């Protein structure tokens, strides 16, 4: 497998760990100039033909929350947002785009939600290798192969995959197929930001705000400045 986005090869393992720890130690400071969010949305062939919602023509979904997840080592303790608070933020942002929780309506989509923090250094290297997951987080299912040859863009995403990040992922599946135990993915959306200079609680509103309008749209890896 050809992984284009990966840890900067010029950094030795101890130096990469030092970079990560330095970034984590700075995580309590709020950035005055806002966050830089990495965004990538992969749409499947089935998703290409799916109707996109709008406030005037909403699509109803069944929410499935995986909730907070953590990968990689070296993380310092921090105050985490509650699952209920994150669910409310996501539901409000999605409703503005025409994605509404099913309630008594027939759902067309199953949406899954994950958020948390990911570092490229395994807490136990014998159990996992977060480098591939970091590459997918910032580069999508192609892990950055579709941005090769774009000059500084590749170096930017290589760096993004080499430092600890906070993330939000939302995945869509056909609801009717899911109830029949047939998993039909429609799209996968990944939004993340460098952990240094912020906290998960501070980062999530920007990840949600930037991410919601991009759901269901094929988005090649890009960086977006949060307002």
Protein backbone atom coordinates (compact mmCIF):
# COMPACT_ATOMS: atom_id res chain seq x y z
CA UNK A 1 0.00 0.00 0.00
CA UNK A 2 1.38 3.38 -1.05
CA UNK A 3 1.01 5.85 1.81
CA UNK A 4 1.85 9.35 0.59
CA UNK A 5 1.02 11.27 3.74
CA UNK A 6 3.20 9.98 6.55
CA UNK A 7 5.47 11.20 9.29
CA UNK A 8 8.24 13.48 8.14
CA UNK A 9 11.11 11.10 7.32
CA UNK A 10 13.75 13.56 8.48
CA UNK A 11 12.63 13.28 12.09
CA UNK A 12 13.99 10.45 14.21
CA UNK A 13 11.58 8.69 16.56
CA UNK A 14 12.84 10.52 19.69
CA UNK A 15 12.64 13.87 17.90
CA UNK A 16 9.14 13.15 16.63
CA UNK A 17 8.12 12.32 20.19
CA UNK A 18 9.65 15.57 21.44
CA UNK A 19 7.71 17.53 18.82
CA UNK A 20 4.49 15.83 19.87
CA UNK A 21 5.07 16.45 23.56
CA UNK A 22 5.90 20.10 22.93
CA UNK A 23 2.68 20.48 20.99
CA UNK A 24 0.70 18.87 23.78
CA UNK A 25 2.25 21.09 26.43
CA UNK A 26 1.08 24.11 24.45
CA UNK A 27 -2.46 22.82 24.19
CA UNK A 28 -3.79 25.01 26.98
CA UNK A 29 -3.21 28.25 25.06
CA UNK A 30 -5.98 29.57 22.81
CA UNK A 31 -4.95 30.69 19.34
CA UNK A 32 -5.90 34.29 18.66
CA UNK A 33 -6.00 33.78 14.90
CA UNK A 34 -8.42 30.85 14.93
CA UNK A 35 -7.91 27.21 13.97
CA UNK A 36 -6.66 25.75 10.72
CA UNK A 37 -8.92 22.80 9.95
CA UNK A 38 -7.97 19.91 7.66
CA UNK A 39 -11.03 18.66 5.80
CA UNK A 40 -11.57 15.69 3.50
CA UNK A 41 -14.84 14.05 2.41
CA UNK A 42 -14.88 10.80 0.44
CA UNK A 43 -18.12 10.06 -1.42
CA UNK A 44 -18.82 6.54 -2.70
CA UNK A 45 -20.52 5.83 -6.06
CA UNK A 46 -23.75 5.14 -4.16
CA UNK A 47 -23.35 8.45 -2.36
CA UNK A 48 -22.89 10.34 -5.62
CA UNK A 49 -26.48 9.55 -6.56
CA UNK A 50 -27.95 10.23 -3.11
CA UNK A 51 -30.10 13.33 -2.71
CA UNK A 52 -28.45 16.22 -0.88
CA UNK A 53 -30.65 17.84 1.76
CA UNK A 54 -31.49 21.49 2.27
CA UNK A 55 -33.60 23.28 4.90
CA UNK A 56 -36.45 23.33 2.38
CA UNK A 57 -36.04 19.65 1.49
CA UNK A 58 -34.61 17.91 4.56
CA UNK A 59 -33.28 14.38 4.83
CA UNK A 60 -33.94 12.48 8.04
CA UNK A 61 -31.28 10.41 9.74
CA UNK A 62 -30.84 7.95 12.55
CA UNK A 63 -27.88 9.02 14.73
CA UNK A 64 -25.40 6.50 16.07
CA UNK A 65 -22.82 8.00 18.40
CA UNK A 66 -19.52 6.23 18.96
CA UNK A 67 -18.47 9.30 20.92
CA UNK A 68 -15.03 10.11 22.25
CA UNK A 69 -12.09 8.08 20.99
CA UNK A 70 -8.38 8.39 21.60
CA UNK A 71 -5.43 6.97 19.71
CA UNK A 72 -1.71 7.35 20.25
CA UNK A 73 0.24 8.15 23.38
CA UNK A 74 1.59 11.15 25.23
CA UNK A 75 -1.70 12.90 25.87
CA UNK A 76 -2.02 15.14 28.91
CA UNK A 77 -5.22 15.23 31.00
CA UNK A 78 -7.78 17.81 29.93
CA UNK A 79 -11.43 18.61 30.57
CA UNK A 80 -13.55 16.86 27.94
CA UNK A 81 -16.91 18.03 26.62
CA UNK A 82 -19.82 15.79 27.55
CA UNK A 83 -21.26 13.45 24.94
CA UNK A 84 -24.64 15.16 25.23
CA UNK A 85 -23.14 18.61 24.59
CA UNK A 86 -21.33 17.38 21.48
CA UNK A 87 -24.44 15.62 20.21
CA UNK A 88 -26.44 18.82 20.59
CA UNK A 89 -23.82 20.90 18.75
CA UNK A 90 -23.71 18.41 15.89
CA UNK A 91 -27.51 18.10 15.62
CA UNK A 92 -27.92 21.88 15.51
CA UNK A 93 -25.28 22.34 12.81
CA UNK A 94 -26.65 19.49 10.72
CA UNK A 95 -30.23 20.78 11.02
CA UNK A 96 -29.10 24.07 9.47
CA UNK A 97 -27.98 22.06 6.43
CA UNK A 98 -31.21 20.06 6.18
CA UNK A 99 -30.13 16.94 8.08
CA UNK A 100 -32.81 16.27 10.69
CA UNK A 101 -33.00 13.56 13.37
CA UNK A 102 -35.70 11.11 12.34
CA UNK A 103 -37.94 11.13 15.47
CA UNK A 104 -41.28 10.00 13.98
CA UNK A 105 -40.12 10.37 10.36
CA UNK A 106 -38.74 7.64 8.13
CA UNK A 107 -34.97 7.85 8.13
CA UNK A 108 -33.05 7.84 4.87
CA UNK A 109 -29.60 7.89 6.43
CA UNK A 110 -27.69 6.31 9.27
CA UNK A 111 -25.10 8.81 10.47
CA UNK A 112 -22.27 7.82 12.80
CA UNK A 113 -20.28 10.29 14.90
CA UNK A 114 -16.80 10.06 16.40
CA UNK A 115 -14.61 12.71 17.94
CA UNK A 116 -11.48 12.77 20.04
CA UNK A 117 -7.73 13.08 19.77
CA UNK A 118 -5.15 11.23 17.72
CA UNK A 119 -1.36 11.26 17.95
CA UNK A 120 1.06 9.56 15.54
CA UNK A 121 2.94 7.80 18.35
CA UNK A 122 1.58 4.53 19.65
CA UNK A 123 1.09 4.16 23.39
CA UNK A 124 2.11 0.52 22.82
CA UNK A 125 3.74 -0.02 19.38
CA UNK A 126 3.05 -3.73 19.66
CA UNK A 127 -0.70 -3.11 19.54
CA UNK A 128 -1.18 -0.49 16.84
CA UNK A 129 0.48 1.90 14.43
CA UNK A 130 -1.32 5.25 14.41
CA UNK A 131 0.68 6.56 11.45
CA UNK A 132 -1.69 5.00 8.90
CA UNK A 133 -4.72 6.32 10.77
CA UNK A 134 -3.19 9.80 10.88
CA UNK A 135 -2.63 9.64 7.11
CA UNK A 136 -6.27 8.68 6.58
CA UNK A 137 -7.45 11.40 8.95
CA UNK A 138 -5.89 14.21 6.92
CA UNK A 139 -5.75 12.55 3.48
CA UNK A 140 -8.95 10.50 3.30
CA UNK A 141 -9.27 6.98 1.96
CA UNK A 142 -6.49 7.68 -0.56
CA UNK A 143 -4.16 8.81 2.25
CA UNK A 144 -2.98 11.78 0.26
CA UNK A 145 -2.21 10.08 -3.05
CA UNK A 146 -4.53 12.53 -4.82
CA UNK A 147 -2.52 15.56 -3.66
CA UNK A 148 0.90 14.34 -4.75
CA UNK A 149 2.64 16.71 -7.12
CA UNK A 150 0.90 19.79 -5.76
CA UNK A 151 4.04 21.48 -4.47
CA UNK A 152 3.86 22.70 -0.90
CA UNK A 153 0.44 21.11 -0.41
CA UNK A 154 2.01 17.67 0.01
CA UNK A 155 4.51 18.96 2.59
CA UNK A 156 1.66 20.69 4.46
CA UNK A 157 -0.29 17.46 4.74
CA UNK A 158 2.76 15.43 5.63
CA UNK A 159 3.27 17.77 8.55
CA UNK A 160 -0.44 17.62 9.46
CA UNK A 161 -0.16 13.83 9.71
CA UNK A 162 2.92 14.06 11.91
CA UNK A 163 1.53 16.07 14.85
CA UNK A 164 -1.19 15.34 17.44
CA UNK A 165 -4.67 16.36 16.27
CA UNK A 166 -8.23 16.75 17.52
CA UNK A 167 -10.79 15.29 15.14
CA UNK A 168 -14.43 14.81 14.21
CA UNK A 169 -15.57 12.13 11.77
CA UNK A 170 -19.08 11.66 10.39
CA UNK A 171 -20.01 8.72 8.18
CA UNK A 172 -23.24 8.16 6.26
CA UNK A 173 -24.88 4.86 5.35
CA UNK A 174 -28.13 3.95 3.62
CA UNK A 175 -30.58 3.46 6.49
CA UNK A 176 -32.85 0.91 4.78
CA UNK A 177 -29.87 -1.25 3.87
CA UNK A 178 -28.48 -0.92 7.41
CA UNK A 179 -31.72 -2.20 8.93
CA UNK A 180 -31.39 -5.23 6.65
CA UNK A 181 -27.84 -5.70 7.95
CA UNK A 182 -26.36 -4.63 4.62
CA UNK A 183 -23.75 -1.90 5.12
CA UNK A 184 -23.90 0.54 2.19
CA UNK A 185 -21.54 3.48 2.82
CA UNK A 186 -22.41 6.79 1.15
CA UNK A 187 -19.70 9.15 2.38
CA UNK A 188 -17.06 9.62 5.07
CA UNK A 189 -16.15 13.08 6.34
CA UNK A 190 -13.04 13.81 8.41
CA UNK A 191 -12.23 17.14 10.04
CA UNK A 192 -9.24 17.77 12.30
CA UNK A 193 -6.97 20.45 13.69
CA UNK A 194 -3.54 20.52 15.28
CA UNK A 195 -3.82 19.99 19.03
CA UNK A 196 -1.17 22.56 19.94
CA UNK A 197 -2.68 25.84 21.11
CA UNK A 198 -6.19 24.62 21.83
CA UNK A 199 -8.23 21.91 23.56
CA UNK A 200 -10.78 19.43 22.26
CA UNK A 201 -13.55 21.41 23.94
CA UNK A 202 -12.42 24.59 22.16
CA UNK A 203 -11.75 22.90 18.82
CA UNK A 204 -14.97 20.96 18.36
CA UNK A 205 -17.26 23.95 17.59
CA UNK A 206 -14.97 24.96 14.71
CA UNK A 207 -14.72 21.39 13.42
CA UNK A 208 -18.51 21.10 13.46
CA UNK A 209 -19.17 24.53 11.93
CA UNK A 210 -16.69 24.04 9.09
CA UNK A 211 -17.65 20.42 8.52
CA UNK A 212 -21.44 20.59 8.38
CA UNK A 213 -21.76 22.38 4.99
CA UNK A 214 -19.30 19.91 3.41
CA UNK A 215 -21.17 16.72 4.29
CA UNK A 216 -22.07 14.64 1.26
CA UNK A 217 -19.83 16.72 -1.04
CA UNK A 218 -16.66 15.18 -2.44
CA UNK A 219 -13.89 17.29 -0.88
CA UNK A 220 -10.24 16.62 -1.66
CA UNK A 221 -7.86 17.24 1.23
CA UNK A 222 -7.80 20.93 2.04
CA UNK A 223 -7.12 23.28 4.92
CA UNK A 224 -9.74 25.81 5.98
CA UNK A 225 -9.28 28.69 8.41
CA UNK A 226 -11.94 28.78 11.11
CA UNK A 227 -13.67 32.15 11.56
